[in-house]
Amino acid sequence: MSTTGLISRNKIHPLRLALFISCGSILMMFGALTSAYIVRQSAGNWLEFDLPTLFYVSTGALLLSSVSLQACYSAFLKGHATMYRGLLALTLVLGLAFVILQFQAWEAMFDAGLPLKGNPSPSFVYVLSGLHAAHVLGGLVSLVVAVIHGFRLPVLATPRRKLRLQLTLTYWHFMDFLWIYLLLFFVLQR
């Protein structure tokens, strides 16, 4: 086998590489912000409070959405159109539920006397969870496109459609991982 044959088979798709670089950048940003949280916490004047239960409920919605999207991808590869479309729609609904529950959790924090301005402790929670929710909204745009394609196009696992769904799946799982990291970070830093 020629060397060029090996090189071309081992190349990563440019869109996949771009996604990995983006995820790495997002991870670095959240790493920097959680480091700033730790530094600011050690400076004093830090308010300890329990996270609203809605943050845990939203976590369940996000975890279920990752499971449903993984099952959706499997159904897509097998050509099970009804299951693929249903799970894709379910994933979108669960993703929207996550964002709505996050918003309700912020409202619960505000109602509990934890405004965005004031003590830095709740401010960090608002900013970190808000940035994550903004990135989830980006994933929801990708899911909306996937739903449109899923219901308008025949269910055929072409290389292009397979790659598109894989990229969506990878990003969505990454958002799931990132939220679990943030939630554990908040709980362990109390």
N, C-alpha and C. Protein backbone atom coordinates (compact mmCIF):
# COMPACT_ATOMS: atom_id res chain seq x y z
N MET A 1 0.85 -1.18 0.00
CA MET A 1 0.00 0.00 0.00
C MET A 1 0.89 1.23 0.00
N SER A 2 0.50 2.22 -0.74
CA SER A 2 1.33 3.43 -0.85
C SER A 2 1.17 4.32 0.38
N THR A 3 2.14 5.17 0.58
CA THR A 3 2.11 6.10 1.70
C THR A 3 0.97 7.09 1.56
N THR A 4 0.70 7.55 0.35
CA THR A 4 -0.40 8.50 0.16
C THR A 4 -1.75 7.89 0.50
N GLY A 5 -1.91 6.59 0.27
CA GLY A 5 -3.15 5.91 0.64
C GLY A 5 -3.36 5.92 2.14
N LEU A 6 -2.28 5.74 2.90
CA LEU A 6 -2.37 5.78 4.35
C LEU A 6 -2.66 7.18 4.85
N ILE A 7 -2.03 8.15 4.24
CA ILE A 7 -2.23 9.53 4.68
C ILE A 7 -3.67 9.97 4.44
N SER A 8 -4.21 9.68 3.29
CA SER A 8 -5.55 10.15 2.99
C SER A 8 -6.60 9.45 3.86
N ARG A 9 -6.36 8.21 4.23
CA ARG A 9 -7.32 7.50 5.08
C ARG A 9 -7.26 7.98 6.52
N ASN A 10 -6.14 8.49 6.96
CA ASN A 10 -5.97 8.92 8.35
C ASN A 10 -6.23 10.40 8.56
N LYS A 11 -6.56 11.12 7.50
CA LYS A 11 -6.82 12.55 7.64
C LYS A 11 -8.16 12.76 8.34
N ILE A 12 -8.18 13.76 9.18
CA ILE A 12 -9.42 14.13 9.84
C ILE A 12 -10.17 15.11 8.95
N HIS A 13 -11.47 14.97 8.90
CA HIS A 13 -12.28 15.86 8.08
C HIS A 13 -12.12 17.29 8.61
N PRO A 14 -11.99 18.28 7.73
CA PRO A 14 -11.79 19.67 8.17
C PRO A 14 -12.89 20.18 9.12
N LEU A 15 -14.12 19.78 8.89
CA LEU A 15 -15.20 20.22 9.78
C LEU A 15 -15.07 19.59 11.16
N ARG A 16 -14.65 18.35 11.20
CA ARG A 16 -14.43 17.67 12.49
C ARG A 16 -13.28 18.35 13.23
N LEU A 17 -12.21 18.67 12.51
CA LEU A 17 -11.07 19.37 13.11
C LEU A 17 -11.51 20.73 13.65
N ALA A 18 -12.30 21.46 12.87
CA ALA A 18 -12.80 22.76 13.32
C ALA A 18 -13.64 22.62 14.58
N LEU A 19 -14.46 21.58 14.64
CA LEU A 19 -15.28 21.35 15.83
C LEU A 19 -14.39 21.05 17.03
N PHE A 20 -13.39 20.21 16.86
CA PHE A 20 -12.49 19.88 17.97
C PHE A 20 -11.74 21.12 18.46
N ILE A 21 -11.30 21.95 17.54
CA ILE A 21 -10.61 23.19 17.92
C ILE A 21 -11.57 24.11 18.67
N SER A 22 -12.80 24.20 18.19
CA SER A 22 -13.81 25.03 18.86
C SER A 22 -14.09 24.52 20.26
N CYS A 23 -14.26 23.22 20.39
CA CYS A 23 -14.52 22.62 21.70
C CYS A 23 -13.33 22.86 22.63
N GLY A 24 -12.13 22.76 22.10
CA GLY A 24 -10.94 23.03 22.90
C GLY A 24 -10.90 24.48 23.38
N SER A 25 -11.28 25.40 22.50
CA SER A 25 -11.32 26.82 22.86
C SER A 25 -12.37 27.08 23.94
N ILE A 26 -13.54 26.46 23.77
CA ILE A 26 -14.60 26.61 24.77
C ILE A 26 -14.15 26.05 26.11
N LEU A 27 -13.51 24.91 26.07
CA LEU A 27 -13.01 24.29 27.30
C LEU A 27 -11.99 25.18 27.99
N MET A 28 -11.11 25.80 27.21
CA MET A 28 -10.11 26.71 27.78
C MET A 28 -10.78 27.93 28.42
N MET A 29 -11.81 28.45 27.76
CA MET A 29 -12.52 29.60 28.31
C MET A 29 -13.16 29.25 29.65
N PHE A 30 -13.84 28.10 29.71
CA PHE A 30 -14.48 27.70 30.96
C PHE A 30 -13.44 27.33 32.01
N GLY A 31 -12.30 26.78 31.59
CA GLY A 31 -11.22 26.52 32.53
C GLY A 31 -10.70 27.80 33.15
N ALA A 32 -10.54 28.84 32.32
CA ALA A 32 -10.08 30.13 32.82
C ALA A 32 -11.10 30.75 33.78
N LEU A 33 -12.38 30.65 33.42
CA LEU A 33 -13.41 31.24 34.27
C LEU A 33 -13.56 30.49 35.60
N THR A 34 -13.44 29.17 35.57
CA THR A 34 -13.52 28.44 36.84
C THR A 34 -12.27 28.69 37.68
N SER A 35 -11.14 28.92 37.04
CA SER A 35 -9.92 29.30 37.78
C SER A 35 -10.11 30.67 38.43
N ALA A 36 -10.72 31.60 37.69
CA ALA A 36 -11.01 32.93 38.25
C ALA A 36 -11.96 32.81 39.43
N TYR A 37 -12.91 31.91 39.34
CA TYR A 37 -13.85 31.65 40.43
C TYR A 37 -13.08 31.26 41.69
N ILE A 38 -12.15 30.32 41.55
CA ILE A 38 -11.37 29.83 42.69
C ILE A 38 -10.53 30.95 43.29
N VAL A 39 -9.89 31.73 42.44
CA VAL A 39 -9.05 32.83 42.90
C VAL A 39 -9.89 33.86 43.64
N ARG A 40 -11.03 34.23 43.04
CA ARG A 40 -11.90 35.24 43.67
C ARG A 40 -12.50 34.72 44.97
N GLN A 41 -12.83 33.44 45.02
CA GLN A 41 -13.40 32.85 46.22
C GLN A 41 -12.41 32.95 47.40
N SER A 42 -11.13 32.76 47.11
CA SER A 42 -10.12 32.80 48.17
C SER A 42 -9.86 34.22 48.67
N ALA A 43 -10.32 35.23 47.94
CA ALA A 43 -10.10 36.62 48.34
C ALA A 43 -11.05 37.05 49.46
N GLY A 44 -12.07 36.26 49.74
CA GLY A 44 -13.02 36.60 50.81
C GLY A 44 -14.27 37.25 50.25
N ASN A 45 -15.16 37.68 51.19
CA ASN A 45 -16.45 38.27 50.82
C ASN A 45 -17.20 37.36 49.85
N TRP A 46 -17.27 36.10 50.19
CA TRP A 46 -17.87 35.09 49.31
C TRP A 46 -19.13 34.55 49.96
N LEU A 47 -20.23 34.62 49.26
CA LEU A 47 -21.50 34.16 49.78
C LEU A 47 -21.71 32.69 49.45
N GLU A 48 -21.94 31.88 50.46
CA GLU A 48 -22.24 30.45 50.25
C GLU A 48 -23.75 30.31 50.12
N PHE A 49 -24.21 29.56 49.12
CA PHE A 49 -25.64 29.32 48.94
C PHE A 49 -25.84 28.01 48.21
N ASP A 50 -27.00 27.43 48.39
CA ASP A 50 -27.33 26.19 47.69
C ASP A 50 -27.86 26.51 46.31
N LEU A 51 -27.46 25.72 45.35
CA LEU A 51 -27.98 25.89 44.00
C LEU A 51 -29.46 25.52 43.97
N PRO A 52 -30.25 26.23 43.17
CA PRO A 52 -31.65 25.85 43.03
C PRO A 52 -31.77 24.42 42.48
N THR A 53 -32.78 23.71 42.94
CA THR A 53 -33.04 22.34 42.49
C THR A 53 -33.21 22.27 40.98
N LEU A 54 -33.69 23.36 40.40
CA LEU A 54 -33.90 23.38 38.94
C LEU A 54 -32.62 23.13 38.16
N PHE A 55 -31.47 23.46 38.72
CA PHE A 55 -30.20 23.16 38.04
C PHE A 55 -30.02 21.65 37.90
N TYR A 56 -30.45 20.91 38.91
CA TYR A 56 -30.33 19.44 38.86
C TYR A 56 -31.36 18.85 37.90
N VAL A 57 -32.55 19.43 37.90
CA VAL A 57 -33.59 18.97 36.97
C VAL A 57 -33.15 19.22 35.54
N SER A 58 -32.58 20.40 35.28
CA SER A 58 -32.11 20.71 33.92
C SER A 58 -30.99 19.76 33.50
N THR A 59 -30.18 19.34 34.47
CA THR A 59 -29.12 18.37 34.18
C THR A 59 -29.73 17.06 33.68
N GLY A 60 -30.81 16.64 34.32
CA GLY A 60 -31.50 15.43 33.87
C GLY A 60 -32.00 15.56 32.45
N ALA A 61 -32.55 16.72 32.12
CA ALA A 61 -33.04 16.96 30.75
C ALA A 61 -31.89 16.90 29.75
N LEU A 62 -30.75 17.48 30.12
CA LEU A 62 -29.61 17.48 29.20
C LEU A 62 -29.04 16.07 29.03
N LEU A 63 -28.94 15.33 30.12
CA LEU A 63 -28.45 13.95 30.02
C LEU A 63 -29.37 13.09 29.16
N LEU A 64 -30.67 13.23 29.37
CA LEU A 64 -31.63 12.49 28.54
C LEU A 64 -31.54 12.89 27.08
N SER A 65 -31.28 14.16 26.82
CA SER A 65 -31.16 14.60 25.43
C SER A 65 -29.94 13.98 24.75
N SER A 66 -28.86 13.80 25.50
CA SER A 66 -27.68 13.14 24.93
C SER A 66 -27.96 11.68 24.62
N VAL A 67 -28.68 11.02 25.53
CA VAL A 67 -29.04 9.62 25.32
C VAL A 67 -29.95 9.49 24.10
N SER A 68 -30.94 10.39 24.00
CA SER A 68 -31.87 10.32 22.87
C SER A 68 -31.17 10.63 21.55
N LEU A 69 -30.22 11.57 21.56
CA LEU A 69 -29.50 11.88 20.32
C LEU A 69 -28.60 10.72 19.90
N GLN A 70 -28.00 10.04 20.87
CA GLN A 70 -27.16 8.88 20.54
C GLN A 70 -28.02 7.78 19.93
N ALA A 71 -29.19 7.55 20.53
CA ALA A 71 -30.11 6.54 19.99
C ALA A 71 -30.64 6.97 18.62
N CYS A 72 -30.84 8.25 18.44
CA CYS A 72 -31.28 8.80 17.15
C CYS A 72 -30.24 8.50 16.07
N TYR A 73 -28.98 8.71 16.39
CA TYR A 73 -27.90 8.46 15.44
C TYR A 73 -27.87 6.98 15.05
N SER A 74 -28.04 6.12 16.03
CA SER A 74 -28.07 4.69 15.77
C SER A 74 -29.24 4.32 14.86
N ALA A 75 -30.40 4.89 15.14
CA ALA A 75 -31.58 4.64 14.30
C ALA A 75 -31.36 5.17 12.88
N PHE A 76 -30.68 6.30 12.76
CA PHE A 76 -30.37 6.87 11.45
C PHE A 76 -29.50 5.91 10.64
N LEU A 77 -28.46 5.38 11.28
CA LEU A 77 -27.56 4.45 10.58
C LEU A 77 -28.29 3.18 10.14
N LYS A 78 -29.27 2.75 10.91
CA LYS A 78 -30.02 1.54 10.58
C LYS A 78 -31.18 1.80 9.63
N GLY A 79 -31.44 3.07 9.34
CA GLY A 79 -32.52 3.41 8.43
C GLY A 79 -33.91 3.35 9.04
N HIS A 80 -34.01 3.37 10.36
CA HIS A 80 -35.30 3.35 11.04
C HIS A 80 -35.86 4.78 11.09
N ALA A 81 -36.56 5.17 10.04
CA ALA A 81 -36.99 6.55 9.85
C ALA A 81 -37.86 7.07 11.00
N THR A 82 -38.85 6.32 11.39
CA THR A 82 -39.78 6.79 12.43
C THR A 82 -39.06 7.00 13.76
N MET A 83 -38.23 6.04 14.14
CA MET A 83 -37.49 6.16 15.39
C MET A 83 -36.49 7.31 15.31
N TYR A 84 -35.80 7.42 14.19
CA TYR A 84 -34.82 8.50 13.99
C TYR A 84 -35.49 9.86 14.13
N ARG A 85 -36.58 10.06 13.45
CA ARG A 85 -37.26 11.35 13.49
C ARG A 85 -37.84 11.64 14.87
N GLY A 86 -38.43 10.63 15.48
CA GLY A 86 -39.00 10.82 16.82
C GLY A 86 -37.94 11.17 17.85
N LEU A 87 -36.83 10.46 17.82
CA LEU A 87 -35.75 10.72 18.78
C LEU A 87 -35.08 12.07 18.52
N LEU A 88 -35.00 12.45 17.26
CA LEU A 88 -34.44 13.76 16.92
C LEU A 88 -35.32 14.87 17.47
N ALA A 89 -36.64 14.73 17.29
CA ALA A 89 -37.57 15.72 17.83
C ALA A 89 -37.51 15.74 19.36
N LEU A 90 -37.43 14.56 19.97
CA LEU A 90 -37.33 14.47 21.44
C LEU A 90 -36.07 15.17 21.93
N THR A 91 -34.96 14.99 21.24
CA THR A 91 -33.71 15.64 21.63
C THR A 91 -33.86 17.15 21.59
N LEU A 92 -34.50 17.65 20.55
CA LEU A 92 -34.72 19.10 20.44
C LEU A 92 -35.58 19.60 21.60
N VAL A 93 -36.65 18.89 21.92
CA VAL A 93 -37.54 19.28 23.02
C VAL A 93 -36.77 19.26 24.35
N LEU A 94 -35.98 18.23 24.58
CA LEU A 94 -35.21 18.14 25.82
C LEU A 94 -34.15 19.24 25.89
N GLY A 95 -33.54 19.57 24.76
CA GLY A 95 -32.57 20.67 24.73
C GLY A 95 -33.23 22.00 25.06
N LEU A 96 -34.41 22.23 24.50
CA LEU A 96 -35.16 23.45 24.82
C LEU A 96 -35.56 23.45 26.30
N ALA A 97 -35.95 22.29 26.80
CA ALA A 97 -36.31 22.19 28.22
C ALA A 97 -35.12 22.55 29.11
N PHE A 98 -33.93 22.12 28.72
CA PHE A 98 -32.73 22.46 29.49
C PHE A 98 -32.57 23.97 29.59
N VAL A 99 -32.68 24.66 28.48
CA VAL A 99 -32.49 26.12 28.48
C VAL A 99 -33.59 26.80 29.30
N ILE A 100 -34.81 26.35 29.16
CA ILE A 100 -35.93 26.94 29.92
C ILE A 100 -35.74 26.70 31.41
N LEU A 101 -35.32 25.49 31.77
CA LEU A 101 -35.08 25.19 33.18
C LEU A 101 -33.91 26.00 33.74
N GLN A 102 -32.90 26.25 32.92
CA GLN A 102 -31.79 27.09 33.36
C GLN A 102 -32.30 28.51 33.67
N PHE A 103 -33.12 29.03 32.77
CA PHE A 103 -33.69 30.36 32.97
C PHE A 103 -34.50 30.39 34.26
N GLN A 104 -35.30 29.36 34.49
CA GLN A 104 -36.09 29.29 35.72
C GLN A 104 -35.20 29.18 36.96
N ALA A 105 -34.07 28.50 36.83
CA ALA A 105 -33.13 28.42 37.95
C ALA A 105 -32.53 29.79 38.25
N TRP A 106 -32.24 30.57 37.21
CA TRP A 106 -31.74 31.93 37.43
C TRP A 106 -32.80 32.78 38.12
N GLU A 107 -34.05 32.61 37.71
CA GLU A 107 -35.15 33.35 38.36
C GLU A 107 -35.25 32.94 39.83
N ALA A 108 -35.10 31.65 40.12
CA ALA A 108 -35.15 31.17 41.51
C ALA A 108 -34.01 31.77 42.32
N MET A 109 -32.83 31.89 41.73
CA MET A 109 -31.70 32.51 42.43
C MET A 109 -32.02 33.97 42.73
N PHE A 110 -32.55 34.67 41.73
CA PHE A 110 -32.88 36.08 41.91
C PHE A 110 -33.94 36.26 42.99
N ASP A 111 -34.96 35.41 42.95
CA ASP A 111 -36.04 35.47 43.95
C ASP A 111 -35.54 35.14 45.35
N ALA A 112 -34.46 34.37 45.44
CA ALA A 112 -33.88 34.02 46.74
C ALA A 112 -32.94 35.11 47.26
N GLY A 113 -32.90 36.24 46.57
CA GLY A 113 -32.04 37.34 47.01
C GLY A 113 -30.61 37.22 46.53
N LEU A 114 -30.43 36.55 45.40
CA LEU A 114 -29.09 36.38 44.82
C LEU A 114 -29.05 37.05 43.44
N PRO A 115 -28.94 38.37 43.41
CA PRO A 115 -28.95 39.07 42.12
C PRO A 115 -27.63 38.89 41.37
N LEU A 116 -27.67 39.25 40.10
CA LEU A 116 -26.46 39.17 39.27
C LEU A 116 -25.40 40.13 39.78
N LYS A 117 -25.81 41.32 40.11
CA LYS A 117 -24.88 42.30 40.66
C LYS A 117 -24.90 42.18 42.18
N GLY A 118 -23.78 42.39 42.76
CA GLY A 118 -23.68 42.27 44.21
C GLY A 118 -22.52 41.36 44.54
N ASN A 119 -22.78 40.35 45.33
CA ASN A 119 -21.74 39.42 45.72
C ASN A 119 -21.26 38.64 44.50
N PRO A 120 -19.95 38.44 44.38
CA PRO A 120 -19.43 37.75 43.19
C PRO A 120 -19.81 36.27 43.09
N SER A 121 -20.15 35.64 44.20
CA SER A 121 -20.46 34.22 44.18
C SER A 121 -21.63 33.90 43.25
N PRO A 122 -22.82 34.49 43.45
CA PRO A 122 -23.90 34.20 42.51
C PRO A 122 -23.62 34.74 41.11
N SER A 123 -22.86 35.83 41.03
CA SER A 123 -22.53 36.39 39.72
C SER A 123 -21.77 35.38 38.87
N PHE A 124 -20.84 34.67 39.48
CA PHE A 124 -20.10 33.64 38.75
C PHE A 124 -21.03 32.53 38.27
N VAL A 125 -21.99 32.15 39.10
CA VAL A 125 -22.93 31.09 38.71
C VAL A 125 -23.77 31.55 37.52
N TYR A 126 -24.25 32.79 37.59
CA TYR A 126 -25.03 33.33 36.46
C TYR A 126 -24.19 33.35 35.18
N VAL A 127 -22.97 33.85 35.28
CA VAL A 127 -22.13 34.00 34.09
C VAL A 127 -21.74 32.64 33.51
N LEU A 128 -21.27 31.74 34.36
CA LEU A 128 -20.83 30.43 33.87
C LEU A 128 -22.00 29.62 33.30
N SER A 129 -23.11 29.58 34.02
CA SER A 129 -24.25 28.82 33.50
C SER A 129 -24.88 29.52 32.30
N GLY A 130 -24.84 30.85 32.29
CA GLY A 130 -25.36 31.60 31.14
C GLY A 130 -24.53 31.38 29.88
N LEU A 131 -23.20 31.40 30.04
CA LEU A 131 -22.34 31.12 28.88
C LEU A 131 -22.56 29.71 28.36
N HIS A 132 -22.73 28.78 29.27
CA HIS A 132 -23.00 27.41 28.84
C HIS A 132 -24.32 27.34 28.09
N ALA A 133 -25.35 27.99 28.63
CA ALA A 133 -26.66 27.99 27.97
C ALA A 133 -26.57 28.62 26.59
N ALA A 134 -25.75 29.66 26.44
CA ALA A 134 -25.57 30.29 25.12
C ALA A 134 -24.97 29.30 24.13
N HIS A 135 -24.02 28.50 24.61
CA HIS A 135 -23.42 27.49 23.73
C HIS A 135 -24.42 26.37 23.42
N VAL A 136 -25.27 26.05 24.37
CA VAL A 136 -26.32 25.06 24.11
C VAL A 136 -27.28 25.59 23.05
N LEU A 137 -27.58 26.89 23.09
CA LEU A 137 -28.44 27.48 22.06
C LEU A 137 -27.82 27.29 20.67
N GLY A 138 -26.51 27.39 20.57
CA GLY A 138 -25.84 27.11 19.30
C GLY A 138 -26.06 25.67 18.87
N GLY A 139 -26.01 24.76 19.83
CA GLY A 139 -26.30 23.36 19.53
C GLY A 139 -27.74 23.15 19.13
N LEU A 140 -28.65 23.93 19.70
CA LEU A 140 -30.06 23.82 19.33
C LEU A 140 -30.29 24.26 17.89
N VAL A 141 -29.53 25.24 17.44
CA VAL A 141 -29.63 25.65 16.03
C VAL A 141 -29.25 24.48 15.14
N SER A 142 -28.18 23.79 15.50
CA SER A 142 -27.76 22.62 14.75
C SER A 142 -28.83 21.53 14.78
N LEU A 143 -29.47 21.37 15.93
CA LEU A 143 -30.54 20.37 16.05
C LEU A 143 -31.77 20.76 15.21
N VAL A 144 -32.07 22.03 15.15
CA VAL A 144 -33.20 22.48 14.31
C VAL A 144 -32.92 22.14 12.85
N VAL A 145 -31.69 22.40 12.41
CA VAL A 145 -31.32 22.05 11.03
C VAL A 145 -31.43 20.55 10.83
N ALA A 146 -30.98 19.77 11.81
CA ALA A 146 -31.07 18.30 11.71
C ALA A 146 -32.52 17.85 11.65
N VAL A 147 -33.40 18.49 12.43
CA VAL A 147 -34.82 18.13 12.40
C VAL A 147 -35.43 18.46 11.03
N ILE A 148 -35.09 19.61 10.49
CA ILE A 148 -35.60 19.99 9.16
C ILE A 148 -35.15 18.97 8.12
N HIS A 149 -33.87 18.63 8.15
CA HIS A 149 -33.36 17.62 7.21
C HIS A 149 -34.00 16.26 7.47
N GLY A 150 -34.16 15.93 8.73
CA GLY A 150 -34.71 14.63 9.10
C GLY A 150 -36.13 14.42 8.62
N PHE A 151 -36.92 15.49 8.61
CA PHE A 151 -38.31 15.36 8.21
C PHE A 151 -38.54 15.67 6.73
N ARG A 152 -37.61 16.38 6.11
CA ARG A 152 -37.78 16.74 4.69
C ARG A 152 -37.09 15.78 3.73
N LEU A 153 -36.00 15.21 4.17
CA LEU A 153 -35.20 14.36 3.29
C LEU A 153 -35.43 12.89 3.62
N PRO A 154 -35.24 12.02 2.64
CA PRO A 154 -35.34 10.59 2.95
C PRO A 154 -34.21 10.19 3.91
N VAL A 155 -34.47 9.18 4.71
CA VAL A 155 -33.49 8.73 5.69
C VAL A 155 -32.47 7.84 5.01
N LEU A 156 -31.42 8.48 4.53
CA LEU A 156 -30.32 7.79 3.87
C LEU A 156 -29.02 8.22 4.53
N ALA A 157 -28.25 7.27 4.99
CA ALA A 157 -26.99 7.57 5.68
C ALA A 157 -25.88 7.84 4.67
N THR A 158 -26.02 8.94 3.94
CA THR A 158 -24.96 9.35 3.01
C THR A 158 -23.78 9.86 3.83
N PRO A 159 -22.59 9.83 3.27
CA PRO A 159 -21.43 10.31 4.04
C PRO A 159 -21.61 11.75 4.55
N ARG A 160 -22.19 12.60 3.74
CA ARG A 160 -22.37 14.00 4.14
C ARG A 160 -23.36 14.13 5.29
N ARG A 161 -24.50 13.46 5.19
CA ARG A 161 -25.51 13.54 6.26
C ARG A 161 -25.01 12.84 7.52
N LYS A 162 -24.28 11.76 7.35
CA LYS A 162 -23.71 11.05 8.49
C LYS A 162 -22.73 11.97 9.24
N LEU A 163 -21.86 12.65 8.49
CA LEU A 163 -20.90 13.57 9.10
C LEU A 163 -21.63 14.70 9.82
N ARG A 164 -22.65 15.25 9.20
CA ARG A 164 -23.40 16.36 9.81
C ARG A 164 -24.00 15.93 11.15
N LEU A 165 -24.59 14.74 11.18
CA LEU A 165 -25.19 14.25 12.41
C LEU A 165 -24.12 13.90 13.45
N GLN A 166 -22.99 13.37 12.99
CA GLN A 166 -21.88 13.07 13.91
C GLN A 166 -21.35 14.34 14.57
N LEU A 167 -21.23 15.41 13.78
CA LEU A 167 -20.75 16.68 14.33
C LEU A 167 -21.73 17.23 15.36
N THR A 168 -23.01 17.14 15.06
CA THR A 168 -24.04 17.58 16.01
C THR A 168 -23.97 16.75 17.28
N LEU A 169 -23.83 15.46 17.12
CA LEU A 169 -23.75 14.54 18.26
C LEU A 169 -22.52 14.84 19.12
N THR A 170 -21.39 15.04 18.49
CA THR A 170 -20.16 15.33 19.23
C THR A 170 -20.30 16.62 20.03
N TYR A 171 -20.81 17.66 19.38
CA TYR A 171 -20.98 18.94 20.06
C TYR A 171 -21.96 18.81 21.22
N TRP A 172 -23.05 18.10 20.98
CA TRP A 172 -24.07 17.95 22.02
C TRP A 172 -23.52 17.19 23.22
N HIS A 173 -22.77 16.12 22.98
CA HIS A 173 -22.15 15.37 24.08
C HIS A 173 -21.13 16.26 24.82
N PHE A 174 -20.43 17.08 24.07
CA PHE A 174 -19.47 18.00 24.69
C PHE A 174 -20.19 18.98 25.61
N MET A 175 -21.33 19.51 25.17
CA MET A 175 -22.11 20.43 26.02
C MET A 175 -22.58 19.72 27.28
N ASP A 176 -22.94 18.47 27.14
CA ASP A 176 -23.36 17.65 28.27
C ASP A 176 -22.19 17.51 29.26
N PHE A 177 -21.04 17.11 28.76
CA PHE A 177 -19.84 16.96 29.59
C PHE A 177 -19.51 18.28 30.29
N LEU A 178 -19.57 19.37 29.55
CA LEU A 178 -19.21 20.68 30.11
C LEU A 178 -20.17 21.07 31.23
N TRP A 179 -21.46 20.81 31.05
CA TRP A 179 -22.41 21.15 32.11
C TRP A 179 -22.18 20.29 33.36
N ILE A 180 -21.91 19.01 33.18
CA ILE A 180 -21.63 18.14 34.34
C ILE A 180 -20.40 18.67 35.08
N TYR A 181 -19.39 19.07 34.33
CA TYR A 181 -18.19 19.66 34.94
C TYR A 181 -18.56 20.89 35.75
N LEU A 182 -19.35 21.80 35.17
CA LEU A 182 -19.72 23.03 35.86
C LEU A 182 -20.56 22.75 37.10
N LEU A 183 -21.52 21.87 36.97
CA LEU A 183 -22.37 21.55 38.11
C LEU A 183 -21.56 20.95 39.25
N LEU A 184 -20.70 20.00 38.93
CA LEU A 184 -19.83 19.41 39.96
C LEU A 184 -18.90 20.46 40.56
N PHE A 185 -18.40 21.35 39.72
CA PHE A 185 -17.54 22.43 40.18
C PHE A 185 -18.28 23.30 41.20
N PHE A 186 -19.51 23.70 40.85
CA PHE A 186 -20.30 24.54 41.76
C PHE A 186 -20.54 23.83 43.09
N VAL A 187 -20.91 22.57 43.01
CA VAL A 187 -21.23 21.80 44.23
C VAL A 187 -19.97 21.60 45.09
N LEU A 188 -18.86 21.26 44.45
CA LEU A 188 -17.63 20.98 45.21
C LEU A 188 -16.95 22.24 45.73
N GLN A 189 -17.22 23.39 45.15
CA GLN A 189 -16.60 24.63 45.60
C GLN A 189 -17.35 25.30 46.75
N ARG A 190 -18.49 24.77 47.12
CA ARG A 190 -19.25 25.37 48.23
C ARG A 190 -18.57 25.14 49.55
